[in-house]
N, C-alpha and C. Protein backbone atom coordinates (compact mmCIF):
# COMPACT_ATOMS: atom_id res chain seq x y z
N UNK A 1 0.85 -1.20 0.00
CA UNK A 1 0.00 0.00 0.00
C UNK A 1 0.88 1.25 0.00
N UNK A 2 0.60 2.23 -0.88
CA UNK A 2 1.41 3.45 -0.90
C UNK A 2 1.42 4.14 0.46
N UNK A 3 2.55 4.78 0.83
CA UNK A 3 2.63 5.44 2.14
C UNK A 3 1.52 6.45 2.37
N UNK A 4 1.10 7.17 1.32
CA UNK A 4 0.05 8.16 1.50
C UNK A 4 -1.26 7.50 1.93
N UNK A 5 -1.55 6.33 1.35
CA UNK A 5 -2.77 5.64 1.73
C UNK A 5 -2.67 5.07 3.14
N UNK A 6 -1.50 4.59 3.52
CA UNK A 6 -1.30 4.09 4.88
C UNK A 6 -1.57 5.19 5.89
N UNK A 7 -1.06 6.37 5.62
CA UNK A 7 -1.28 7.52 6.51
C UNK A 7 -2.75 7.91 6.54
N UNK A 8 -3.39 7.87 5.38
CA UNK A 8 -4.80 8.23 5.29
C UNK A 8 -5.66 7.27 6.11
N UNK A 9 -5.39 5.99 5.98
CA UNK A 9 -6.19 4.99 6.69
C UNK A 9 -6.00 5.12 8.20
N UNK A 10 -4.78 5.37 8.63
CA UNK A 10 -4.54 5.57 10.07
C UNK A 10 -5.34 6.76 10.58
N UNK A 11 -5.39 7.82 9.80
CA UNK A 11 -6.16 9.01 10.21
C UNK A 11 -7.65 8.71 10.26
N UNK A 12 -8.17 8.04 9.24
CA UNK A 12 -9.60 7.76 9.19
C UNK A 12 -10.04 6.85 10.34
N UNK A 13 -9.22 5.88 10.67
CA UNK A 13 -9.53 4.99 11.79
C UNK A 13 -9.54 5.76 13.11
N UNK A 14 -8.64 6.73 13.22
CA UNK A 14 -8.53 7.49 14.47
C UNK A 14 -9.72 8.42 14.68
N UNK A 15 -10.24 8.98 13.60
CA UNK A 15 -11.30 10.00 13.75
C UNK A 15 -12.70 9.42 13.59
N UNK A 16 -12.81 8.20 13.04
CA UNK A 16 -14.14 7.65 12.76
C UNK A 16 -14.14 6.14 12.97
N UNK A 17 -14.49 5.68 14.17
CA UNK A 17 -14.47 4.24 14.47
C UNK A 17 -15.37 3.40 13.56
N UNK A 18 -16.52 3.95 13.16
CA UNK A 18 -17.42 3.19 12.28
C UNK A 18 -16.76 2.97 10.92
N UNK A 19 -16.23 4.03 10.36
CA UNK A 19 -15.52 3.90 9.08
C UNK A 19 -14.29 3.01 9.26
N UNK A 20 -13.60 3.16 10.39
CA UNK A 20 -12.42 2.35 10.65
C UNK A 20 -12.72 0.86 10.67
N UNK A 21 -13.84 0.48 11.29
CA UNK A 21 -14.22 -0.93 11.33
C UNK A 21 -14.52 -1.45 9.93
N UNK A 22 -15.15 -0.61 9.11
CA UNK A 22 -15.43 -1.01 7.73
C UNK A 22 -14.14 -1.14 6.93
N UNK A 23 -13.19 -0.26 7.15
CA UNK A 23 -11.89 -0.35 6.46
C UNK A 23 -11.22 -1.68 6.77
N UNK A 24 -11.26 -2.10 8.05
CA UNK A 24 -10.66 -3.38 8.43
C UNK A 24 -11.34 -4.54 7.70
N UNK A 25 -12.64 -4.45 7.54
CA UNK A 25 -13.39 -5.52 6.87
C UNK A 25 -13.16 -5.50 5.36
N UNK A 26 -13.14 -4.31 4.79
CA UNK A 26 -13.05 -4.19 3.33
C UNK A 26 -11.66 -4.49 2.78
N UNK A 27 -10.63 -4.25 3.59
CA UNK A 27 -9.28 -4.52 3.13
C UNK A 27 -8.61 -3.31 2.48
N UNK A 28 -7.51 -3.55 1.76
CA UNK A 28 -6.72 -2.45 1.20
C UNK A 28 -7.52 -1.55 0.27
N UNK A 29 -7.16 -0.30 0.25
CA UNK A 29 -7.82 0.69 -0.61
C UNK A 29 -7.42 0.47 -2.07
N UNK A 30 -8.41 0.48 -2.94
CA UNK A 30 -8.15 0.26 -4.36
C UNK A 30 -8.13 1.53 -5.19
N UNK A 31 -8.02 2.68 -4.52
CA UNK A 31 -7.98 3.95 -5.27
C UNK A 31 -6.74 3.99 -6.15
N UNK A 32 -6.95 4.18 -7.44
CA UNK A 32 -5.85 4.23 -8.39
C UNK A 32 -5.96 5.48 -9.26
N UNK A 33 -4.83 6.06 -9.55
CA UNK A 33 -4.78 7.25 -10.41
C UNK A 33 -4.43 6.80 -11.82
N UNK A 34 -5.22 7.26 -12.79
CA UNK A 34 -4.99 6.90 -14.19
C UNK A 34 -4.03 7.92 -14.81
N UNK A 35 -2.76 7.55 -14.82
CA UNK A 35 -1.74 8.50 -15.27
C UNK A 35 -1.47 8.41 -16.77
N UNK A 36 -1.98 7.38 -17.43
CA UNK A 36 -1.72 7.23 -18.85
C UNK A 36 -2.66 8.12 -19.66
N UNK A 37 -2.31 8.33 -20.92
CA UNK A 37 -3.16 9.14 -21.78
C UNK A 37 -3.03 10.62 -21.51
N UNK A 38 -3.96 11.37 -22.08
CA UNK A 38 -3.95 12.83 -21.95
C UNK A 38 -5.11 13.29 -21.07
N UNK A 39 -5.03 14.54 -20.63
CA UNK A 39 -6.14 15.10 -19.87
C UNK A 39 -7.42 15.13 -20.72
N UNK A 40 -7.27 15.41 -22.00
CA UNK A 40 -8.45 15.42 -22.87
C UNK A 40 -9.13 14.06 -22.87
N UNK A 41 -8.34 13.02 -23.03
CA UNK A 41 -8.91 11.67 -23.04
C UNK A 41 -9.64 11.39 -21.73
N UNK A 42 -9.04 11.77 -20.61
CA UNK A 42 -9.65 11.46 -19.32
C UNK A 42 -10.94 12.26 -19.11
N UNK A 43 -10.93 13.53 -19.47
CA UNK A 43 -12.14 14.34 -19.30
C UNK A 43 -13.24 13.84 -20.24
N UNK A 44 -12.88 13.53 -21.48
CA UNK A 44 -13.87 12.99 -22.42
C UNK A 44 -14.46 11.68 -21.88
N UNK A 45 -13.61 10.86 -21.33
CA UNK A 45 -14.08 9.59 -20.75
C UNK A 45 -15.03 9.86 -19.58
N UNK A 46 -14.72 10.86 -18.78
CA UNK A 46 -15.59 11.20 -17.66
C UNK A 46 -16.97 11.65 -18.15
N UNK A 47 -17.00 12.35 -19.28
CA UNK A 47 -18.29 12.75 -19.86
C UNK A 47 -19.09 11.51 -20.28
N UNK A 48 -18.40 10.55 -20.89
CA UNK A 48 -19.07 9.30 -21.28
C UNK A 48 -19.73 8.64 -20.06
N UNK A 49 -19.07 8.72 -18.92
CA UNK A 49 -19.53 8.03 -17.71
C UNK A 49 -20.61 8.79 -16.95
N UNK A 50 -20.95 9.98 -17.38
CA UNK A 50 -21.96 10.76 -16.66
C UNK A 50 -23.33 10.08 -16.71
N UNK A 51 -23.94 9.93 -15.54
CA UNK A 51 -25.36 9.55 -15.40
C UNK A 51 -25.73 8.21 -16.01
N UNK A 52 -24.76 7.31 -16.13
CA UNK A 52 -25.06 5.94 -16.56
C UNK A 52 -24.26 4.99 -15.68
N UNK A 53 -24.62 3.72 -15.68
CA UNK A 53 -23.88 2.76 -14.87
C UNK A 53 -22.47 2.59 -15.41
N UNK A 54 -21.57 2.18 -14.53
CA UNK A 54 -20.19 1.98 -14.94
C UNK A 54 -20.06 0.96 -16.06
N UNK A 55 -20.83 -0.12 -15.99
CA UNK A 55 -20.76 -1.17 -17.01
C UNK A 55 -21.23 -0.65 -18.37
N UNK A 56 -22.33 0.09 -18.36
CA UNK A 56 -22.85 0.64 -19.62
C UNK A 56 -21.87 1.64 -20.22
N UNK A 57 -21.30 2.49 -19.36
CA UNK A 57 -20.35 3.50 -19.84
C UNK A 57 -19.10 2.84 -20.41
N UNK A 58 -18.63 1.78 -19.75
CA UNK A 58 -17.43 1.09 -20.22
C UNK A 58 -17.66 0.51 -21.61
N UNK A 59 -18.85 -0.01 -21.85
CA UNK A 59 -19.18 -0.56 -23.17
C UNK A 59 -19.19 0.54 -24.24
N UNK A 60 -19.81 1.66 -23.92
CA UNK A 60 -19.86 2.77 -24.87
C UNK A 60 -18.45 3.29 -25.16
N UNK A 61 -17.65 3.43 -24.10
CA UNK A 61 -16.30 3.96 -24.29
C UNK A 61 -15.46 3.00 -25.14
N UNK A 62 -15.61 1.71 -24.90
CA UNK A 62 -14.87 0.72 -25.69
C UNK A 62 -15.27 0.80 -27.16
N UNK A 63 -16.56 0.96 -27.40
CA UNK A 63 -17.02 1.10 -28.79
C UNK A 63 -16.49 2.38 -29.42
N UNK A 64 -16.43 3.44 -28.63
CA UNK A 64 -15.90 4.70 -29.16
C UNK A 64 -14.44 4.53 -29.56
N UNK A 65 -13.66 3.87 -28.71
CA UNK A 65 -12.25 3.63 -29.05
C UNK A 65 -12.13 2.80 -30.32
N UNK A 66 -13.12 1.93 -30.56
CA UNK A 66 -13.09 1.12 -31.76
C UNK A 66 -13.14 1.94 -33.04
N UNK A 67 -13.67 3.15 -32.95
CA UNK A 67 -13.68 4.04 -34.11
C UNK A 67 -12.27 4.53 -34.46
N UNK A 68 -11.36 4.39 -33.51
CA UNK A 68 -10.00 4.92 -33.67
C UNK A 68 -8.96 3.81 -33.47
N UNK A 69 -9.32 2.61 -33.92
CA UNK A 69 -8.43 1.44 -33.85
C UNK A 69 -7.98 1.14 -32.42
N UNK A 70 -8.88 1.36 -31.49
CA UNK A 70 -8.61 1.00 -30.11
C UNK A 70 -7.81 2.00 -29.31
N UNK A 71 -7.47 3.12 -29.93
CA UNK A 71 -6.68 4.14 -29.23
C UNK A 71 -7.54 5.35 -28.89
N UNK A 72 -7.17 6.04 -27.82
CA UNK A 72 -7.90 7.24 -27.43
C UNK A 72 -7.74 8.31 -28.51
N UNK A 73 -8.83 8.91 -28.95
CA UNK A 73 -8.74 9.91 -30.02
C UNK A 73 -8.18 11.24 -29.54
N UNK A 74 -7.58 11.97 -30.45
CA UNK A 74 -7.14 13.33 -30.17
C UNK A 74 -8.31 14.28 -30.38
N UNK A 75 -8.21 15.51 -29.90
CA UNK A 75 -9.28 16.48 -30.17
C UNK A 75 -9.57 16.64 -31.67
N UNK A 76 -8.53 16.68 -32.49
CA UNK A 76 -8.74 16.84 -33.93
C UNK A 76 -9.47 15.64 -34.52
N UNK A 77 -9.15 14.44 -34.04
CA UNK A 77 -9.84 13.25 -34.54
C UNK A 77 -11.33 13.27 -34.16
N UNK A 78 -11.60 13.72 -32.94
CA UNK A 78 -13.00 13.82 -32.51
C UNK A 78 -13.77 14.79 -33.41
N UNK A 79 -13.16 15.93 -33.70
CA UNK A 79 -13.83 16.94 -34.53
C UNK A 79 -14.05 16.44 -35.95
N UNK A 80 -13.18 15.55 -36.41
CA UNK A 80 -13.30 15.03 -37.77
C UNK A 80 -14.29 13.88 -37.88
N UNK A 81 -14.80 13.41 -36.75
CA UNK A 81 -15.72 12.28 -36.75
C UNK A 81 -17.16 12.77 -36.83
N UNK A 82 -17.94 12.30 -37.81
CA UNK A 82 -19.34 12.73 -37.91
C UNK A 82 -20.12 12.40 -36.63
N UNK A 83 -21.03 13.28 -36.29
CA UNK A 83 -21.82 13.08 -35.07
C UNK A 83 -22.54 11.74 -35.08
N UNK A 84 -23.06 11.35 -36.24
CA UNK A 84 -23.83 10.11 -36.29
C UNK A 84 -22.98 8.88 -35.96
N UNK A 85 -21.68 8.95 -36.29
CA UNK A 85 -20.80 7.84 -35.94
C UNK A 85 -20.63 7.75 -34.43
N UNK A 86 -20.48 8.89 -33.78
CA UNK A 86 -20.33 8.89 -32.32
C UNK A 86 -21.63 8.47 -31.64
N UNK A 87 -22.75 8.92 -32.17
CA UNK A 87 -24.03 8.47 -31.61
C UNK A 87 -24.22 6.97 -31.84
N UNK A 88 -23.65 6.47 -32.92
CA UNK A 88 -23.80 5.06 -33.24
C UNK A 88 -23.14 4.12 -32.25
N UNK A 89 -22.17 4.60 -31.49
CA UNK A 89 -21.53 3.74 -30.48
C UNK A 89 -22.26 3.80 -29.15
N UNK A 90 -23.32 4.63 -29.07
CA UNK A 90 -24.10 4.68 -27.85
C UNK A 90 -24.05 5.99 -27.10
N UNK A 91 -23.31 6.97 -27.63
CA UNK A 91 -23.27 8.29 -26.99
C UNK A 91 -24.56 9.05 -27.29
N UNK A 92 -25.08 9.73 -26.30
CA UNK A 92 -26.25 10.58 -26.55
C UNK A 92 -25.83 11.79 -27.37
N UNK A 93 -26.80 12.40 -28.02
CA UNK A 93 -26.49 13.60 -28.79
C UNK A 93 -25.89 14.69 -27.94
N UNK A 94 -26.36 14.79 -26.70
CA UNK A 94 -25.83 15.81 -25.80
C UNK A 94 -24.37 15.54 -25.45
N UNK A 95 -24.03 14.27 -25.20
CA UNK A 95 -22.64 13.95 -24.87
C UNK A 95 -21.71 14.16 -26.06
N UNK A 96 -22.19 13.86 -27.25
CA UNK A 96 -21.40 14.16 -28.45
C UNK A 96 -21.12 15.66 -28.52
N UNK A 97 -22.14 16.44 -28.25
CA UNK A 97 -22.00 17.90 -28.26
C UNK A 97 -20.96 18.35 -27.22
N UNK A 98 -21.02 17.78 -26.03
CA UNK A 98 -20.09 18.17 -24.97
C UNK A 98 -18.65 17.80 -25.32
N UNK A 99 -18.45 16.58 -25.80
CA UNK A 99 -17.09 16.12 -26.11
C UNK A 99 -16.51 16.93 -27.28
N UNK A 100 -17.34 17.21 -28.28
CA UNK A 100 -16.85 18.02 -29.40
C UNK A 100 -16.60 19.46 -28.96
N UNK A 101 -17.41 19.98 -28.07
CA UNK A 101 -17.17 21.32 -27.55
C UNK A 101 -15.85 21.41 -26.81
N UNK A 102 -15.55 20.39 -26.02
CA UNK A 102 -14.26 20.32 -25.33
C UNK A 102 -13.12 20.28 -26.34
N UNK A 103 -13.26 19.44 -27.36
CA UNK A 103 -12.22 19.32 -28.38
C UNK A 103 -12.01 20.65 -29.11
N UNK A 104 -13.09 21.34 -29.42
CA UNK A 104 -12.98 22.63 -30.11
C UNK A 104 -12.19 23.64 -29.29
N UNK A 105 -12.46 23.69 -27.98
CA UNK A 105 -11.74 24.64 -27.13
C UNK A 105 -10.26 24.32 -27.06
N UNK A 106 -9.92 23.04 -27.06
CA UNK A 106 -8.51 22.66 -27.00
C UNK A 106 -7.80 22.96 -28.32
N UNK A 107 -8.44 22.65 -29.43
CA UNK A 107 -7.83 22.93 -30.73
C UNK A 107 -7.63 24.43 -30.91
N UNK A 108 -8.57 25.22 -30.42
CA UNK A 108 -8.47 26.69 -30.53
C UNK A 108 -7.58 27.29 -29.44
N UNK A 109 -7.06 26.43 -28.56
CA UNK A 109 -6.17 26.86 -27.47
C UNK A 109 -6.85 27.88 -26.54
N UNK A 110 -8.14 27.68 -26.31
CA UNK A 110 -8.88 28.56 -25.40
C UNK A 110 -8.98 27.98 -23.99
N UNK A 111 -8.51 26.75 -23.82
CA UNK A 111 -8.66 26.07 -22.53
C UNK A 111 -7.31 25.56 -22.05
N UNK A 112 -6.83 25.99 -20.87
CA UNK A 112 -5.51 25.56 -20.38
C UNK A 112 -5.56 24.20 -19.68
N UNK A 113 -6.07 23.19 -20.39
CA UNK A 113 -6.31 21.90 -19.75
C UNK A 113 -5.03 21.25 -19.24
N UNK A 114 -3.94 21.39 -20.00
CA UNK A 114 -2.70 20.73 -19.59
C UNK A 114 -2.02 21.46 -18.43
N UNK A 115 -2.58 22.57 -18.00
CA UNK A 115 -1.99 23.30 -16.86
C UNK A 115 -2.66 22.97 -15.53
N UNK A 116 -3.67 22.11 -15.54
CA UNK A 116 -4.42 21.88 -14.31
C UNK A 116 -3.63 21.12 -13.27
N UNK A 117 -2.55 20.44 -13.69
CA UNK A 117 -1.75 19.69 -12.71
C UNK A 117 -1.27 20.56 -11.56
N UNK A 118 -0.89 21.79 -11.87
CA UNK A 118 -0.33 22.67 -10.85
C UNK A 118 -1.35 23.55 -10.15
N UNK A 119 -2.62 23.41 -10.49
CA UNK A 119 -3.65 24.26 -9.89
C UNK A 119 -4.17 23.67 -8.58
N UNK A 120 -4.58 24.53 -7.63
CA UNK A 120 -5.29 24.04 -6.44
C UNK A 120 -6.62 23.41 -6.86
N UNK A 121 -7.18 22.60 -5.98
CA UNK A 121 -8.42 21.89 -6.32
C UNK A 121 -9.53 22.82 -6.79
N UNK A 122 -9.72 23.94 -6.09
CA UNK A 122 -10.83 24.82 -6.45
C UNK A 122 -10.64 25.44 -7.83
N UNK A 123 -9.38 25.71 -8.21
CA UNK A 123 -9.13 26.26 -9.54
C UNK A 123 -9.34 25.22 -10.63
N UNK A 124 -8.98 23.97 -10.32
CA UNK A 124 -9.24 22.89 -11.28
C UNK A 124 -10.74 22.78 -11.53
N UNK A 125 -11.52 22.80 -10.46
CA UNK A 125 -12.98 22.71 -10.60
C UNK A 125 -13.52 23.89 -11.41
N UNK A 126 -13.03 25.09 -11.11
CA UNK A 126 -13.49 26.27 -11.85
C UNK A 126 -13.13 26.18 -13.33
N UNK A 127 -11.93 25.69 -13.63
CA UNK A 127 -11.50 25.56 -15.02
C UNK A 127 -12.35 24.55 -15.76
N UNK A 128 -12.55 23.40 -15.15
CA UNK A 128 -13.29 22.33 -15.82
C UNK A 128 -14.77 22.65 -15.96
N UNK A 129 -15.36 23.25 -14.93
CA UNK A 129 -16.79 23.53 -15.00
C UNK A 129 -17.11 24.72 -15.91
N UNK A 130 -16.07 25.39 -16.39
CA UNK A 130 -16.31 26.43 -17.39
C UNK A 130 -16.61 25.82 -18.76
N UNK A 131 -16.37 24.51 -18.88
CA UNK A 131 -16.63 23.79 -20.13
C UNK A 131 -18.08 23.31 -20.12
N UNK A 132 -18.80 23.58 -21.19
CA UNK A 132 -20.20 23.15 -21.26
C UNK A 132 -20.30 21.64 -21.13
N UNK A 133 -21.17 21.19 -20.23
CA UNK A 133 -21.38 19.76 -20.04
C UNK A 133 -20.57 19.15 -18.93
N UNK A 134 -19.68 19.94 -18.33
CA UNK A 134 -18.88 19.42 -17.23
C UNK A 134 -19.30 20.12 -15.95
N UNK A 135 -19.83 19.34 -15.02
CA UNK A 135 -20.26 19.88 -13.74
C UNK A 135 -19.29 19.53 -12.64
N UNK A 136 -19.70 19.81 -11.44
CA UNK A 136 -18.83 19.60 -10.28
C UNK A 136 -18.44 18.14 -10.12
N UNK A 137 -19.39 17.22 -10.33
CA UNK A 137 -19.09 15.80 -10.16
C UNK A 137 -17.98 15.35 -11.11
N UNK A 138 -18.11 15.69 -12.38
CA UNK A 138 -17.10 15.30 -13.36
C UNK A 138 -15.74 15.90 -13.01
N UNK A 139 -15.73 17.16 -12.60
CA UNK A 139 -14.47 17.80 -12.21
C UNK A 139 -13.84 17.09 -11.02
N UNK A 140 -14.67 16.66 -10.08
CA UNK A 140 -14.14 15.95 -8.91
C UNK A 140 -13.59 14.58 -9.28
N UNK A 141 -14.21 13.92 -10.26
CA UNK A 141 -13.66 12.64 -10.72
C UNK A 141 -12.27 12.84 -11.34
N UNK A 142 -12.09 13.93 -12.05
CA UNK A 142 -10.78 14.24 -12.62
C UNK A 142 -9.78 14.49 -11.49
N UNK A 143 -10.18 15.24 -10.49
CA UNK A 143 -9.30 15.48 -9.34
C UNK A 143 -8.86 14.18 -8.69
N UNK A 144 -9.80 13.27 -8.50
CA UNK A 144 -9.52 12.03 -7.78
C UNK A 144 -8.73 11.04 -8.61
N UNK A 145 -9.19 10.79 -9.83
CA UNK A 145 -8.68 9.64 -10.59
C UNK A 145 -7.71 10.00 -11.71
N UNK A 146 -7.55 11.30 -11.98
CA UNK A 146 -6.54 11.73 -12.94
C UNK A 146 -5.39 12.43 -12.24
N UNK A 147 -5.73 13.37 -11.35
CA UNK A 147 -4.70 14.18 -10.70
C UNK A 147 -4.27 13.61 -9.36
N UNK A 148 -5.01 12.64 -8.84
CA UNK A 148 -4.61 11.99 -7.59
C UNK A 148 -4.72 12.87 -6.36
N UNK A 149 -5.69 13.77 -6.35
CA UNK A 149 -5.83 14.67 -5.20
C UNK A 149 -6.44 13.90 -4.02
N UNK A 150 -5.88 14.05 -2.82
CA UNK A 150 -6.26 13.18 -1.69
C UNK A 150 -7.47 13.62 -0.89
N UNK A 151 -7.97 14.83 -1.11
CA UNK A 151 -8.99 15.35 -0.20
C UNK A 151 -10.24 15.80 -0.95
N UNK A 152 -10.83 14.87 -1.70
CA UNK A 152 -12.01 15.18 -2.50
C UNK A 152 -13.19 14.34 -2.00
N UNK A 153 -14.32 14.99 -1.76
CA UNK A 153 -15.53 14.31 -1.32
C UNK A 153 -16.67 14.72 -2.26
N UNK A 154 -17.00 13.88 -3.25
CA UNK A 154 -18.04 14.24 -4.22
C UNK A 154 -19.44 14.04 -3.63
N UNK A 155 -19.91 15.02 -2.90
CA UNK A 155 -21.15 14.87 -2.14
C UNK A 155 -22.39 14.71 -3.01
N UNK A 156 -22.30 15.07 -4.29
CA UNK A 156 -23.44 14.92 -5.19
C UNK A 156 -23.58 13.49 -5.71
N UNK A 157 -22.59 12.65 -5.45
CA UNK A 157 -22.57 11.29 -5.98
C UNK A 157 -23.61 10.43 -5.25
N UNK A 158 -24.55 9.87 -6.00
CA UNK A 158 -25.64 9.10 -5.41
C UNK A 158 -25.12 7.84 -4.73
N UNK A 159 -24.17 7.16 -5.36
CA UNK A 159 -23.62 5.94 -4.76
C UNK A 159 -22.90 6.25 -3.45
N UNK A 160 -22.23 7.38 -3.40
CA UNK A 160 -21.54 7.77 -2.17
C UNK A 160 -22.57 8.04 -1.06
N UNK A 161 -23.64 8.71 -1.41
CA UNK A 161 -24.71 8.95 -0.44
C UNK A 161 -25.30 7.63 0.05
N UNK A 162 -25.48 6.69 -0.86
CA UNK A 162 -26.04 5.39 -0.50
C UNK A 162 -25.09 4.63 0.42
N UNK A 163 -23.79 4.71 0.12
CA UNK A 163 -22.81 4.05 0.98
C UNK A 163 -22.82 4.61 2.38
N UNK A 164 -22.96 5.92 2.50
CA UNK A 164 -23.02 6.55 3.83
C UNK A 164 -24.28 6.11 4.57
N UNK A 165 -25.39 6.02 3.86
CA UNK A 165 -26.65 5.59 4.49
C UNK A 165 -26.51 4.19 5.07
N UNK A 166 -25.94 3.27 4.29
CA UNK A 166 -25.80 1.89 4.74
C UNK A 166 -24.79 1.78 5.88
N UNK A 167 -23.64 2.41 5.71
CA UNK A 167 -22.57 2.27 6.71
C UNK A 167 -22.98 2.84 8.06
N UNK A 168 -23.65 3.97 8.05
CA UNK A 168 -23.98 4.63 9.32
C UNK A 168 -25.42 4.36 9.78
N UNK A 169 -26.13 3.49 9.06
CA UNK A 169 -27.47 3.13 9.48
C UNK A 169 -28.45 4.28 9.48
N UNK A 170 -28.34 5.15 8.49
CA UNK A 170 -29.23 6.31 8.41
C UNK A 170 -30.59 5.89 7.85
N UNK A 171 -31.63 6.59 8.24
CA UNK A 171 -32.98 6.27 7.76
C UNK A 171 -33.16 6.66 6.30
N UNK A 172 -32.51 7.72 5.88
CA UNK A 172 -32.58 8.17 4.49
C UNK A 172 -31.18 8.50 4.00
N UNK A 173 -31.04 8.58 2.69
CA UNK A 173 -29.74 8.97 2.16
C UNK A 173 -29.43 10.40 2.56
N UNK A 174 -28.20 10.68 2.96
CA UNK A 174 -27.86 12.04 3.37
C UNK A 174 -27.88 12.99 2.19
N UNK A 175 -28.28 14.21 2.44
CA UNK A 175 -28.19 15.25 1.41
C UNK A 175 -26.72 15.58 1.19
N UNK A 176 -26.40 16.23 0.09
CA UNK A 176 -25.01 16.65 -0.10
C UNK A 176 -24.48 17.48 1.06
N UNK A 177 -25.33 18.33 1.62
CA UNK A 177 -24.89 19.18 2.74
C UNK A 177 -24.59 18.34 3.97
N UNK A 178 -25.45 17.37 4.25
CA UNK A 178 -25.21 16.52 5.41
C UNK A 178 -23.98 15.65 5.21
N UNK A 179 -23.80 15.13 4.01
CA UNK A 179 -22.62 14.32 3.73
C UNK A 179 -21.35 15.13 3.89
N UNK A 180 -21.38 16.39 3.48
CA UNK A 180 -20.22 17.27 3.66
C UNK A 180 -19.90 17.45 5.14
N UNK A 181 -20.94 17.61 5.95
CA UNK A 181 -20.71 17.75 7.39
C UNK A 181 -20.16 16.45 7.99
N UNK A 182 -20.72 15.33 7.57
CA UNK A 182 -20.25 14.04 8.06
C UNK A 182 -18.78 13.82 7.71
N UNK A 183 -18.41 14.27 6.52
CA UNK A 183 -17.06 14.01 6.03
C UNK A 183 -16.02 15.02 6.44
N UNK A 184 -16.42 16.06 7.16
CA UNK A 184 -15.45 17.10 7.53
C UNK A 184 -14.29 16.51 8.32
N UNK A 185 -14.57 15.54 9.19
CA UNK A 185 -13.51 14.97 10.03
C UNK A 185 -12.57 14.06 9.25
N UNK A 186 -12.96 13.66 8.06
CA UNK A 186 -12.09 12.81 7.26
C UNK A 186 -10.96 13.58 6.59
N UNK A 187 -11.09 14.89 6.50
CA UNK A 187 -10.04 15.71 5.88
C UNK A 187 -8.73 15.51 6.65
N UNK A 188 -7.60 15.52 5.94
CA UNK A 188 -7.38 15.81 4.51
C UNK A 188 -7.31 14.56 3.63
N UNK A 189 -8.08 13.54 3.99
CA UNK A 189 -8.02 12.28 3.24
C UNK A 189 -9.41 11.83 2.78
N UNK A 190 -10.21 12.78 2.32
CA UNK A 190 -11.58 12.43 1.97
C UNK A 190 -11.69 11.60 0.70
N UNK A 191 -10.67 11.60 -0.14
CA UNK A 191 -10.70 10.74 -1.32
C UNK A 191 -10.69 9.27 -0.91
N UNK A 192 -9.84 8.92 0.03
CA UNK A 192 -9.78 7.53 0.50
C UNK A 192 -11.08 7.16 1.20
N UNK A 193 -11.62 8.07 2.02
CA UNK A 193 -12.91 7.81 2.66
C UNK A 193 -13.99 7.58 1.61
N UNK A 194 -13.97 8.36 0.55
CA UNK A 194 -14.96 8.20 -0.52
C UNK A 194 -14.85 6.81 -1.15
N UNK A 195 -13.62 6.38 -1.38
CA UNK A 195 -13.44 5.05 -1.98
C UNK A 195 -14.07 3.98 -1.10
N UNK A 196 -13.90 4.08 0.20
CA UNK A 196 -14.47 3.07 1.09
C UNK A 196 -16.00 3.15 1.15
N UNK A 197 -16.56 4.34 1.01
CA UNK A 197 -18.02 4.44 0.95
C UNK A 197 -18.54 3.80 -0.34
N UNK A 198 -17.86 4.01 -1.44
CA UNK A 198 -18.24 3.33 -2.68
C UNK A 198 -18.13 1.82 -2.53
N UNK A 199 -17.06 1.40 -1.87
CA UNK A 199 -16.87 -0.04 -1.64
C UNK A 199 -18.00 -0.61 -0.80
N UNK A 200 -18.53 0.20 0.11
CA UNK A 200 -19.64 -0.27 0.96
C UNK A 200 -20.89 -0.54 0.13
N UNK A 201 -21.09 0.24 -0.91
CA UNK A 201 -22.23 0.01 -1.80
C UNK A 201 -22.09 -1.34 -2.50
N UNK A 202 -20.86 -1.70 -2.84
CA UNK A 202 -20.62 -2.96 -3.54
C UNK A 202 -20.82 -4.17 -2.64
N UNK A 203 -20.69 -4.01 -1.33
CA UNK A 203 -20.82 -5.10 -0.38
C UNK A 203 -22.28 -5.15 0.08
N UNK A 204 -23.04 -6.07 -0.45
CA UNK A 204 -24.49 -6.07 -0.24
C UNK A 204 -24.96 -7.14 0.74
N UNK A 205 -24.05 -7.70 1.53
CA UNK A 205 -24.43 -8.82 2.39
C UNK A 205 -25.56 -8.50 3.35
N UNK A 206 -25.57 -7.26 3.87
CA UNK A 206 -26.56 -6.95 4.90
C UNK A 206 -27.52 -5.86 4.46
N UNK A 207 -27.76 -5.76 3.15
CA UNK A 207 -28.73 -4.78 2.67
C UNK A 207 -30.14 -5.28 2.98
């Protein structure tokens, strides 16, 4: 386990016994940062994954890569692809519009996407959400799984809310505001806490 995750888990166990007990049961943290490819590829992939199940999104993304011989397309390749071809792999018309809009901004050099590595989290979110079709959730996924930021809690995520409800025995799913309050003590390691809440959703033994 990477040293950063070891430190994070020690902190989470110290501040939250309920989460700590679940960490012991769930085992090592599987949070991984996707360092390969480009920021464009990762953000475009995040758009594909919006508001659909992971399995369905993975199928659509795989089909999209098939249009480019299995490789992630460049912004110019995306712009050169007819909309109907992209819709044909399962992308909605709106998602085609969003991905092409992102590609247009990059080709025109209007978006400093490759500079986000050095930005604070709030600036990354502001930069990404300035792009049509990218909201806070998508920006947070980029922070967590592309940039490897350790203190991200995507409170709008329905699965995360569900995991909190199950783990803490809540009567209803917490609102984003309540989840933010619950997670305040997990800082500065809320990304790892989020991973374990997602993992709790996957463990359905006592649902």
